[in-house]
C-alpha cells in the first residue's frame, strides 16, 4: 500500500510506501449483509491483522493512533479521510485544527470481544432531559452497523422521550413506516435539521458529551418523510452500538497507546464536513515528475 503525507495538515505531500501488509481475497458470500456497492473490508480493530496494528508493529513511523472522517455525501461530492498516525486535522473551510473540538473518553477492555472499541455512556439526554435508564451503559463503535442499535430496554424509554421533545417542536408523526425504523415524521416546508431535538450521550469523568444533531439522528427515507435513525436491538451484551450513520461528518480518533477515544460531534456545525477533496501539493507533483523522468 502507499499513503500520502500531509505535511501542512491540508494538502497531499510526499507519497509513502507502507511496509509489507497482509491482504486476503474472499468470495462475494463474505459480503452478505453489506451494502451492494461494497468492494472489500478494511479492518481498523485491535486485531493484529488490522491495518493500524500491522503498520505500527512494522515501523515506528506510524504511531498507534488513527482517525476516521466518514463522508455523508456521494463520492461525486467528495471523499472522507483516514488519518494514520494522528493529527493535526485540518478540514477546510474550518480554519483550525479539528482536534480542538474533541471530547475524549477512555476505552474499555472487554475480554469477551477484545478486538472492538468499547466505552461507557453515563447517561442519555434529549434536549437536556435525562432518559430514565440504568447507568452506566456499555457502548461500542461499529462502521459495519449502518444505524445505531439500542438495546430494547433502552430503545423504548429513548423513543418515548424523543417523541415528547419532538411534539414540543411541533414535529408531526406519520403512519408511513420504513423498515428498520419505527418512528417517522413529516418533513414540513421550511423544516431544518437544526430543529430536531438534540441527543446527548454523556461520557467521561466530566461533562463530556457526544452530541447528535438532526443530521445524524434523522434519515430521509422518501420525499417528505424522515425517520429516527436508531433501531431496536435484542438482548446483546452491548447496550449501544454506534453505527456508521451517526459517525458521518464526525471526526473520530482512536489512540491505542493511551487507550482513548475522541470525537467531535457534527462538523456541519462548524461549516465543514467529511465530504471534500484535498488539493495535491506542488511538492508532490514536483517529486513524482522528477521520478517519472
C-alpha atoms as a PDB file:
ATOM      1  CA  UNK A   1       0.000   0.000   0.000  1.00  0.00           C
ATOM      2  CA  UNK A   2       1.002   3.615  -0.230  1.00  0.00           C
ATOM      3  CA  UNK A   3      -0.049   6.703   1.685  1.00  0.00           C
ATOM      4  CA  UNK A   4       0.181  10.435   1.192  1.00  0.00           C
ATOM      5  CA  UNK A   5       1.784  12.553   3.842  1.00  0.00           C
ATOM      6  CA  UNK A   6       0.008  15.781   4.774  1.00  0.00           C
ATOM      7  CA  UNK A   7       2.925  17.967   5.871  1.00  0.00           C
ATOM      8  CA  UNK A   8       0.845  21.131   6.234  1.00  0.00           C
ATOM      9  CA  UNK A   9      -2.221  19.279   7.511  1.00  0.00           C
ATOM     10  CA  UNK A  10      -4.158  20.398   4.435  1.00  0.00           C
ATOM     11  CA  UNK A  11      -2.868  19.026   1.135  1.00  0.00           C
ATOM     12  CA  UNK A  12      -1.195  15.849  -0.076  1.00  0.00           C
ATOM     13  CA  UNK A  13       2.581  15.829   0.173  1.00  0.00           C
ATOM     14  CA  UNK A  14       5.063  13.013  -0.410  1.00  0.00           C
ATOM     15  CA  UNK A  15       3.897   9.512  -1.208  1.00  0.00           C
ATOM     16  CA  UNK A  16       4.959   6.947   1.395  1.00  0.00           C
ATOM     17  CA  UNK A  17       5.196   3.235   0.728  1.00  0.00           C
ATOM     18  CA  UNK A  18       3.998   1.030   3.569  1.00  0.00           C
ATOM     19  CA  UNK A  19       5.891  -1.962   4.914  1.00  0.00           C
ATOM     20  CA  UNK A  20       4.558  -5.312   3.648  1.00  0.00           C
ATOM     21  CA  UNK A  21       0.962  -5.839   4.784  1.00  0.00           C
ATOM     22  CA  UNK A  22      -1.268  -8.908   4.717  1.00  0.00           C
ATOM     23  CA  UNK A  23      -4.264  -8.963   2.367  1.00  0.00           C
ATOM     24  CA  UNK A  24      -6.829 -11.694   1.747  1.00  0.00           C
ATOM     25  CA  UNK A  25      -9.180 -12.434  -1.150  1.00  0.00           C
ATOM     26  CA  UNK A  26     -12.650 -13.739  -0.293  1.00  0.00           C
ATOM     27  CA  UNK A  27     -15.803 -14.654  -2.209  1.00  0.00           C
ATOM     28  CA  UNK A  28     -18.872 -12.465  -2.587  1.00  0.00           C
ATOM     29  CA  UNK A  29     -20.721 -14.530   0.041  1.00  0.00           C
ATOM     30  CA  UNK A  30     -18.466 -12.959   2.651  1.00  0.00           C
ATOM     31  CA  UNK A  31     -20.198  -9.634   1.944  1.00  0.00           C
ATOM     32  CA  UNK A  32     -23.677 -10.816   2.877  1.00  0.00           C
ATOM     33  CA  UNK A  33     -25.331  -8.051   4.872  1.00  0.00           C
ATOM     34  CA  UNK A  34     -23.004  -5.376   3.466  1.00  0.00           C
ATOM     35  CA  UNK A  35     -24.192  -2.644   1.069  1.00  0.00           C
ATOM     36  CA  UNK A  36     -24.316  -3.807  -2.555  1.00  0.00           C
ATOM     37  CA  UNK A  37     -21.544  -1.424  -3.607  1.00  0.00           C
ATOM     38  CA  UNK A  38     -19.084  -2.786  -1.004  1.00  0.00           C
ATOM     39  CA  UNK A  39     -15.887  -3.938  -2.708  1.00  0.00           C
ATOM     40  CA  UNK A  40     -13.893  -5.002   0.326  1.00  0.00           C
ATOM     41  CA  UNK A  41     -13.328  -4.522   4.029  1.00  0.00           C
ATOM     42  CA  UNK A  42     -10.571  -2.645   5.829  1.00  0.00           C
ATOM     43  CA  UNK A  43     -10.065  -3.659   9.438  1.00  0.00           C
ATOM     44  CA  UNK A  44      -9.455  -0.839  11.929  1.00  0.00           C
ATOM     45  CA  UNK A  45      -9.898  -3.012  15.009  1.00  0.00           C
ATOM     46  CA  UNK A  46      -7.418  -4.018  17.712  1.00  0.00           C
ATOM     47  CA  UNK A  47      -6.771  -7.305  15.904  1.00  0.00           C
ATOM     48  CA  UNK A  48      -3.100  -7.911  14.990  1.00  0.00           C
ATOM     49  CA  UNK A  49      -4.111  -8.135  11.306  1.00  0.00           C
ATOM     50  CA  UNK A  50      -5.891  -4.765  11.245  1.00  0.00           C
ATOM     51  CA  UNK A  51      -4.223  -2.031   9.209  1.00  0.00           C
ATOM     52  CA  UNK A  52      -3.215   0.187  12.192  1.00  0.00           C
ATOM     53  CA  UNK A  53      -1.818  -2.836  14.065  1.00  0.00           C
ATOM     54  CA  UNK A  54       0.224  -4.058  11.105  1.00  0.00           C
ATOM     55  CA  UNK A  55       1.680  -0.627  10.397  1.00  0.00           C
ATOM     56  CA  UNK A  56       2.531   0.228  13.992  1.00  0.00           C
ATOM     57  CA  UNK A  57       4.136  -3.160  14.624  1.00  0.00           C
ATOM     58  CA  UNK A  58       6.266  -2.961  11.460  1.00  0.00           C
ATOM     59  CA  UNK A  59       7.777   0.512  11.810  1.00  0.00           C
ATOM     60  CA  UNK A  60       7.817   3.360  14.284  1.00  0.00           C
ATOM     61  CA  UNK A  61       6.766   5.747  11.508  1.00  0.00           C
ATOM     62  CA  UNK A  62       3.100   5.061  12.274  1.00  0.00           C
ATOM     63  CA  UNK A  63       2.122   5.588  15.940  1.00  0.00           C
ATOM     64  CA  UNK A  64      -0.788   3.558  17.277  1.00  0.00           C
ATOM     65  CA  UNK A  65      -3.294   6.274  16.519  1.00  0.00           C
ATOM     66  CA  UNK A  66      -5.722   6.805  13.664  1.00  0.00           C
ATOM     67  CA  UNK A  67      -8.746   8.961  12.882  1.00  0.00           C
ATOM     68  CA  UNK A  68     -11.745   8.386  10.646  1.00  0.00           C
ATOM     69  CA  UNK A  69     -13.877  11.035   8.971  1.00  0.00           C
ATOM     70  CA  UNK A  70     -16.832   9.381   7.182  1.00  0.00           C
ATOM     71  CA  UNK A  71     -18.496  11.478   4.452  1.00  0.00           C
ATOM     72  CA  UNK A  72     -22.247  11.912   4.293  1.00  0.00           C
ATOM     73  CA  UNK A  73     -22.469  12.729   0.587  1.00  0.00           C
ATOM     74  CA  UNK A  74     -21.800  10.681  -2.533  1.00  0.00           C
ATOM     75  CA  UNK A  75     -18.290  10.217  -3.832  1.00  0.00           C
ATOM     76  CA  UNK A  76     -19.026  12.773  -6.550  1.00  0.00           C
ATOM     77  CA  UNK A  77     -19.254  15.394  -3.811  1.00  0.00           C
ATOM     78  CA  UNK A  78     -16.004  14.457  -2.101  1.00  0.00           C
ATOM     79  CA  UNK A  79     -14.299  11.774  -0.046  1.00  0.00           C
ATOM     80  CA  UNK A  80     -13.728  11.111   3.612  1.00  0.00           C
ATOM     81  CA  UNK A  81     -10.383  10.735   5.364  1.00  0.00           C
ATOM     82  CA  UNK A  82      -8.463   8.018   7.158  1.00  0.00           C
ATOM     83  CA  UNK A  83      -5.572   9.577   9.075  1.00  0.00           C
ATOM     84  CA  UNK A  84      -2.809   7.201  10.196  1.00  0.00           C
ATOM     85  CA  UNK A  85      -0.539   8.451  12.970  1.00  0.00           C
ATOM     86  CA  UNK A  86      -2.593  11.313  14.370  1.00  0.00           C
ATOM     87  CA  UNK A  87      -3.193  14.980  13.570  1.00  0.00           C
ATOM     88  CA  UNK A  88      -3.253  17.858  13.071  1.00  0.00           C
ATOM     89  CA  UNK A  89      -6.625  17.565  11.348  1.00  0.00           C
ATOM     90  CA  UNK A  90      -7.494  20.424   9.006  1.00  0.00           C
ATOM     91  CA  UNK A  91     -10.872  20.178   7.302  1.00  0.00           C
ATOM     92  CA  UNK A  92     -11.432  23.327   5.199  1.00  0.00           C
ATOM     93  CA  UNK A  93     -13.142  25.739   5.286  1.00  0.00           C
ATOM     94  CA  UNK A  94     -12.828  25.333   9.097  1.00  0.00           C
ATOM     95  CA  UNK A  95      -9.715  27.348   9.904  1.00  0.00           C
ATOM     96  CA  UNK A  96      -8.393  25.488  12.970  1.00  0.00           C
ATOM     97  CA  UNK A  97      -7.177  22.023  13.874  1.00  0.00           C
ATOM     98  CA  UNK A  98     -10.387  19.990  14.315  1.00  0.00           C
ATOM     99  CA  UNK A  99      -8.850  18.169  17.295  1.00  0.00           C
ATOM    100  CA  UNK A 100      -9.696  21.313  19.296  1.00  0.00           C
ATOM    101  CA  UNK A 101     -13.305  20.152  19.068  1.00  0.00           C
ATOM    102  CA  UNK A 102     -12.574  16.734  20.602  1.00  0.00           C
ATOM    103  CA  UNK A 103     -14.315  15.209  23.574  1.00  0.00           C
ATOM    104  CA  UNK A 104     -12.183  12.362  24.940  1.00  0.00           C
ATOM    105  CA  UNK A 105     -13.179   9.254  26.883  1.00  0.00           C
ATOM    106  CA  UNK A 106     -11.276   6.144  27.995  1.00  0.00           C
ATOM    107  CA  UNK A 107     -11.645   2.942  26.040  1.00  0.00           C
ATOM    108  CA  UNK A 108     -12.698  -0.153  27.981  1.00  0.00           C
ATOM    109  CA  UNK A 109     -11.146  -3.578  27.563  1.00  0.00           C
ATOM    110  CA  UNK A 110     -13.796  -6.226  27.045  1.00  0.00           C
ATOM    111  CA  UNK A 111     -12.486  -9.782  27.430  1.00  0.00           C
ATOM    112  CA  UNK A 112     -15.482 -11.162  25.522  1.00  0.00           C
ATOM    113  CA  UNK A 113     -14.635  -9.071  22.444  1.00  0.00           C
ATOM    114  CA  UNK A 114     -11.090  -7.786  22.762  1.00  0.00           C
ATOM    115  CA  UNK A 115     -10.797  -6.583  19.134  1.00  0.00           C
ATOM    116  CA  UNK A 116     -13.522  -3.926  19.389  1.00  0.00           C
ATOM    117  CA  UNK A 117     -13.702  -0.405  20.828  1.00  0.00           C
ATOM    118  CA  UNK A 118     -15.865  -0.111  23.938  1.00  0.00           C
ATOM    119  CA  UNK A 119     -16.586   2.899  26.117  1.00  0.00           C
ATOM    120  CA  UNK A 120     -19.080   3.868  28.788  1.00  0.00           C
ATOM    121  CA  UNK A 121     -22.007   6.225  28.359  1.00  0.00           C
ATOM    122  CA  UNK A 122     -23.064   7.685  31.717  1.00  0.00           C
ATOM    123  CA  UNK A 123     -26.489   8.845  30.552  1.00  0.00           C
ATOM    124  CA  UNK A 124     -28.578   9.861  27.551  1.00  0.00           C
ATOM    125  CA  UNK A 125     -30.215  13.282  27.340  1.00  0.00           C
ATOM    126  CA  UNK A 126     -32.703  14.592  24.791  1.00  0.00           C
ATOM    127  CA  UNK A 127     -32.870  18.387  24.762  1.00  0.00           C
ATOM    128  CA  UNK A 128     -31.209  18.232  28.213  1.00  0.00           C
ATOM    129  CA  UNK A 129     -33.875  15.882  29.640  1.00  0.00           C
ATOM    130  CA  UNK A 130     -32.322  12.698  31.045  1.00  0.00           C
ATOM    131  CA  UNK A 131     -33.779   9.460  29.705  1.00  0.00           C
ATOM    132  CA  UNK A 132     -34.513   7.170  32.707  1.00  0.00           C
ATOM    133  CA  UNK A 133     -32.028   4.332  32.274  1.00  0.00           C
ATOM    134  CA  UNK A 134     -29.803   2.053  34.287  1.00  0.00           C
ATOM    135  CA  UNK A 135     -26.289   3.513  34.193  1.00  0.00           C
ATOM    136  CA  UNK A 136     -23.547   3.251  33.075  1.00  0.00           C
ATOM    137  CA  UNK A 137     -24.236   1.949  29.580  1.00  0.00           C
ATOM    138  CA  UNK A 138     -21.773  -0.303  27.754  1.00  0.00           C
ATOM    139  CA  UNK A 139     -21.277   1.065  24.245  1.00  0.00           C
ATOM    140  CA  UNK A 140     -19.099   0.360  21.229  1.00  0.00           C
ATOM    141  CA  UNK A 141     -18.298   1.692  17.747  1.00  0.00           C
ATOM    142  CA  UNK A 142     -19.123  -0.188  14.549  1.00  0.00           C
ATOM    143  CA  UNK A 143     -18.969   1.137  10.992  1.00  0.00           C
ATOM    144  CA  UNK A 144     -20.360  -2.225   9.824  1.00  0.00           C
ATOM    145  CA  UNK A 145     -23.687  -1.426  11.533  1.00  0.00           C
ATOM    146  CA  UNK A 146     -25.443   1.224   9.394  1.00  0.00           C
ATOM    147  CA  UNK A 147     -27.536   2.834  12.166  1.00  0.00           C
ATOM    148  CA  UNK A 148     -27.069   2.979  15.928  1.00  0.00           C
ATOM    149  CA  UNK A 149     -28.607  -0.004  17.691  1.00  0.00           C
ATOM    150  CA  UNK A 150     -30.145   0.422  21.160  1.00  0.00           C
ATOM    151  CA  UNK A 151     -30.821  -2.497  23.488  1.00  0.00           C
ATOM    152  CA  UNK A 152     -34.593  -2.932  23.766  1.00  0.00           C
ATOM    153  CA  UNK A 153     -34.515  -1.837  27.414  1.00  0.00           C
ATOM    154  CA  UNK A 154     -33.011   1.485  26.257  1.00  0.00           C
ATOM    155  CA  UNK A 155     -34.874   1.873  22.976  1.00  0.00           C
ATOM    156  CA  UNK A 156     -38.380   2.199  24.414  1.00  0.00           C
ATOM    157  CA  UNK A 157     -37.750   4.966  27.006  1.00  0.00           C
ATOM    158  CA  UNK A 158     -35.449   6.679  24.490  1.00  0.00           C
ATOM    159  CA  UNK A 159     -38.171   6.808  21.838  1.00  0.00           C
ATOM    160  CA  UNK A 160     -40.826   7.946  24.322  1.00  0.00           C
ATOM    161  CA  UNK A 161     -38.657  10.860  25.463  1.00  0.00           C
ATOM    162  CA  UNK A 162     -37.807  11.756  21.873  1.00  0.00           C
ATOM    163  CA  UNK A 163     -41.496  11.794  20.956  1.00  0.00           C
ATOM    164  CA  UNK A 164     -42.243  14.162  23.842  1.00  0.00           C
ATOM    165  CA  UNK A 165     -39.492  16.586  22.846  1.00  0.00           C
ATOM    166  CA  UNK A 166     -40.394  16.372  19.146  1.00  0.00           C
ATOM    167  CA  UNK A 167     -44.011  17.239  19.989  1.00  0.00           C
ATOM    168  CA  UNK A 168     -42.848  20.418  21.726  1.00  0.00           C
ATOM    169  CA  UNK A 169     -41.055  21.344  18.499  1.00  0.00           C
ATOM    170  CA  UNK A 170     -44.271  20.718  16.550  1.00  0.00           C
ATOM    171  CA  UNK A 171     -42.844  17.752  14.639  1.00  0.00           C
ATOM    172  CA  UNK A 172     -45.701  15.676  13.197  1.00  0.00           C
ATOM    173  CA  UNK A 173     -45.534  11.876  13.240  1.00  0.00           C
ATOM    174  CA  UNK A 174     -46.528   9.954  10.138  1.00  0.00           C
ATOM    175  CA  UNK A 175     -48.030   6.488   9.804  1.00  0.00           C
ATOM    176  CA  UNK A 176     -45.599   5.758   6.987  1.00  0.00           C
ATOM    177  CA  UNK A 177     -43.016   3.305   8.292  1.00  0.00           C
ATOM    178  CA  UNK A 178     -39.867   2.181   6.517  1.00  0.00           C
ATOM    179  CA  UNK A 179     -38.022  -0.828   7.965  1.00  0.00           C
ATOM    180  CA  UNK A 180     -35.999  -0.996  10.166  1.00  0.00           C
ATOM    181  CA  UNK A 181     -37.214   2.322  11.617  1.00  0.00           C
ATOM    182  CA  UNK A 182     -40.192   2.577  13.981  1.00  0.00           C
ATOM    183  CA  UNK A 183     -40.668   6.339  14.342  1.00  0.00           C
ATOM    184  CA  UNK A 184     -41.078   8.661  11.354  1.00  0.00           C
ATOM    185  CA  UNK A 185     -42.085  12.295  10.821  1.00  0.00           C
ATOM    186  CA  UNK A 186     -43.325  14.533   8.055  1.00  0.00           C
ATOM    187  CA  UNK A 187     -40.843  17.000   6.628  1.00  0.00           C
ATOM    188  CA  UNK A 188     -42.830  20.206   6.532  1.00  0.00           C
ATOM    189  CA  UNK A 189     -41.975  23.117   4.263  1.00  0.00           C
ATOM    190  CA  UNK A 190     -39.173  25.176   5.756  1.00  0.00           C
ATOM    191  CA  UNK A 191     -38.060  22.371   8.066  1.00  0.00           C
ATOM    192  CA  UNK A 192     -34.372  22.329   9.071  1.00  0.00           C
ATOM    193  CA  UNK A 193     -32.404  19.542  10.691  1.00  0.00           C
ATOM    194  CA  UNK A 194     -31.361  22.067  13.348  1.00  0.00           C
ATOM    195  CA  UNK A 195     -34.995  21.940  14.545  1.00  0.00           C
ATOM    196  CA  UNK A 196     -34.727  18.280  15.631  1.00  0.00           C
ATOM    197  CA  UNK A 197     -34.279  17.569  19.378  1.00  0.00           C
ATOM    198  CA  UNK A 198     -30.607  17.250  20.296  1.00  0.00           C
ATOM    199  CA  UNK A 199     -29.438  13.886  21.658  1.00  0.00           C
ATOM    200  CA  UNK A 200     -26.502  13.829  24.080  1.00  0.00           C
ATOM    201  CA  UNK A 201     -24.517  10.774  25.105  1.00  0.00           C
ATOM    202  CA  UNK A 202     -22.741  11.940  28.269  1.00  0.00           C
ATOM    203  CA  UNK A 203     -19.351  10.320  28.689  1.00  0.00           C
ATOM    204  CA  UNK A 204     -16.158  10.505  30.717  1.00  0.00           C
ATOM    205  CA  UNK A 205     -15.478  11.795  34.199  1.00  0.00           C
ATOM    206  CA  UNK A 206     -16.528  15.384  33.476  1.00  0.00           C
ATOM    207  CA  UNK A 207     -19.416  16.785  31.463  1.00  0.00           C
ATOM    208  CA  UNK A 208     -18.183  15.395  28.154  1.00  0.00           C
ATOM    209  CA  UNK A 209     -20.821  14.536  25.597  1.00  0.00           C
ATOM    210  CA  UNK A 210     -21.212  13.118  22.112  1.00  0.00           C
ATOM    211  CA  UNK A 211     -23.847  15.494  20.786  1.00  0.00           C
ATOM    212  CA  UNK A 212     -26.018  14.091  17.997  1.00  0.00           C
ATOM    213  CA  UNK A 213     -27.839  16.678  15.893  1.00  0.00           C
ATOM    214  CA  UNK A 214     -30.603  16.135  13.361  1.00  0.00           C
ATOM    215  CA  UNK A 215     -28.178  15.420  10.511  1.00  0.00           C
ATOM    216  CA  UNK A 216     -27.117  12.244  12.342  1.00  0.00           C
ATOM    217  CA  UNK A 217     -30.317  11.388  14.209  1.00  0.00           C
ATOM    218  CA  UNK A 218     -32.832  11.583  11.334  1.00  0.00           C
ATOM    219  CA  UNK A 219     -32.628   9.898   7.943  1.00  0.00           C
ATOM    220  CA  UNK A 220     -34.730  10.921   4.925  1.00  0.00           C
ATOM    221  CA  UNK A 221     -36.365   7.718   3.653  1.00  0.00           C
ATOM    222  CA  UNK A 222     -38.623   9.176   0.951  1.00  0.00           C
ATOM    223  CA  UNK A 223     -39.887  12.520  -0.227  1.00  0.00           C
ATOM    224  CA  UNK A 224     -41.423  14.363   2.689  1.00  0.00           C
ATOM    225  CA  UNK A 225     -40.674  11.623   5.247  1.00  0.00           C
ATOM    226  CA  UNK A 226     -37.770  11.233   7.680  1.00  0.00           C
ATOM    227  CA  UNK A 227     -37.265   8.613  10.372  1.00  0.00           C
ATOM    228  CA  UNK A 228     -35.422   8.425  13.673  1.00  0.00           C
ATOM    229  CA  UNK A 229     -32.161   6.713  12.681  1.00  0.00           C
ATOM    230  CA  UNK A 230     -31.913   4.443  15.727  1.00  0.00           C
ATOM    231  CA  UNK A 231     -33.039   0.821  15.653  1.00  0.00           C
ATOM    232  CA  UNK A 232     -34.252  -1.589  18.291  1.00  0.00           C
ATOM    233  CA  UNK A 233     -31.725  -4.195  19.395  1.00  0.00           C
ATOM    234  CA  UNK A 234     -32.146  -7.529  21.103  1.00  0.00           C
ATOM    235  CA  UNK A 235     -30.557  -8.823  24.271  1.00  0.00           C
ATOM    236  CA  UNK A 236     -26.922  -8.462  23.203  1.00  0.00           C
ATOM    237  CA  UNK A 237     -24.455  -7.540  25.897  1.00  0.00           C
ATOM    238  CA  UNK A 238     -23.608  -4.256  24.157  1.00  0.00           C
ATOM    239  CA  UNK A 239     -26.364  -1.851  25.115  1.00  0.00           C
ATOM    240  CA  UNK A 240     -25.472   0.766  22.486  1.00  0.00           C
ATOM    241  CA  UNK A 241     -23.709   0.153  19.174  1.00  0.00           C
ATOM    242  CA  UNK A 242     -22.832   3.451  17.483  1.00  0.00           C
ATOM    243  CA  UNK A 243     -23.414   2.914  13.757  1.00  0.00           C
ATOM    244  CA  UNK A 244     -21.841   4.436  10.676  1.00  0.00           C
ATOM    245  CA  UNK A 245     -24.648   6.948  10.040  1.00  0.00           C
ATOM    246  CA  UNK A 246     -24.105   8.548  13.451  1.00  0.00           C
ATOM    247  CA  UNK A 247     -20.381   8.890  12.668  1.00  0.00           C
ATOM    248  CA  UNK A 248     -20.861  10.674   9.339  1.00  0.00           C
ATOM    249  CA  UNK A 249     -19.282  14.146   9.378  1.00  0.00           C
ATOM    250  CA  UNK A 250     -17.918  13.436  12.869  1.00  0.00           C
ATOM    251  CA  UNK A 251     -14.142  13.180  13.244  1.00  0.00           C
ATOM    252  CA  UNK A 252     -13.407  10.114  15.385  1.00  0.00           C
ATOM    253  CA  UNK A 253      -9.909   9.335  16.695  1.00  0.00           C
ATOM    254  CA  UNK A 254      -8.685   6.103  18.289  1.00  0.00           C
ATOM    255  CA  UNK A 255      -5.463   6.290  20.316  1.00  0.00           C
ATOM    256  CA  UNK A 256      -4.426   2.717  21.072  1.00  0.00           C
ATOM    257  CA  UNK A 257      -1.327   3.679  23.004  1.00  0.00           C
ATOM    258  CA  UNK A 258      -3.208   5.739  25.588  1.00  0.00           C
ATOM    259  CA  UNK A 259      -6.455   3.745  25.136  1.00  0.00           C
ATOM    260  CA  UNK A 260      -8.533   6.847  24.389  1.00  0.00           C
ATOM    261  CA  UNK A 261     -11.472   7.595  22.094  1.00  0.00           C
ATOM    262  CA  UNK A 262     -12.011  11.170  20.888  1.00  0.00           C
ATOM    263  CA  UNK A 263     -14.825  12.598  18.765  1.00  0.00           C
ATOM    264  CA  UNK A 264     -16.069  15.989  17.576  1.00  0.00           C
ATOM    265  CA  UNK A 265     -19.854  15.746  17.056  1.00  0.00           C
ATOM    266  CA  UNK A 266     -21.139  17.092  13.725  1.00  0.00           C
ATOM    267  CA  UNK A 267     -18.640  19.167  11.770  1.00  0.00           C
ATOM    268  CA  UNK A 268     -21.567  20.751   9.914  1.00  0.00           C
ATOM    269  CA  UNK A 269     -21.979  22.965  12.972  1.00  0.00           C
ATOM    270  CA  UNK A 270     -18.578  24.430  12.093  1.00  0.00           C
ATOM    271  CA  UNK A 271     -19.275  24.969   8.399  1.00  0.00           C
ATOM    272  CA  UNK A 272     -17.264  21.952   7.276  1.00  0.00           C
ATOM    273  CA  UNK A 273     -17.751  18.217   6.747  1.00  0.00           C
ATOM    274  CA  UNK A 274     -16.002  14.974   5.841  1.00  0.00           C
ATOM    275  CA  UNK A 275     -17.172  15.285   2.196  1.00  0.00           C
ATOM    276  CA  UNK A 276     -14.436  17.148   0.334  1.00  0.00           C
ATOM    277  CA  UNK A 277     -11.459  16.865  -1.992  1.00  0.00           C
ATOM    278  CA  UNK A 278      -7.928  17.516  -0.813  1.00  0.00           C
ATOM    279  CA  UNK A 279      -5.639  19.503  -3.122  1.00  0.00           C
ATOM    280  CA  UNK A 280      -2.427  17.894  -4.321  1.00  0.00           C
ATOM    281  CA  UNK A 281       0.547  19.937  -3.193  1.00  0.00           C
ATOM    282  CA  UNK A 282       3.100  21.381  -5.625  1.00  0.00           C
ATOM    283  CA  UNK A 283       5.858  19.387  -3.914  1.00  0.00           C
ATOM    284  CA  UNK A 284       4.077  16.110  -4.636  1.00  0.00           C
ATOM    285  CA  UNK A 285       3.851  16.866  -8.368  1.00  0.00           C
ATOM    286  CA  UNK A 286       7.483  18.032  -8.500  1.00  0.00           C
ATOM    287  CA  UNK A 287       8.797  14.883  -6.788  1.00  0.00           C
ATOM    288  CA  UNK A 288       6.755  12.483  -8.919  1.00  0.00           C
ATOM    289  CA  UNK A 289       7.501  14.261 -12.191  1.00  0.00           C
ATOM    290  CA  UNK A 290      11.198  14.016 -11.355  1.00  0.00           C
ATOM    291  CA  UNK A 291      10.863  10.284 -10.633  1.00  0.00           C
ATOM    292  CA  UNK A 292       8.942   9.611 -13.856  1.00  0.00           C
ATOM    293  CA  UNK A 293      11.530  11.441 -15.938  1.00  0.00           C
END
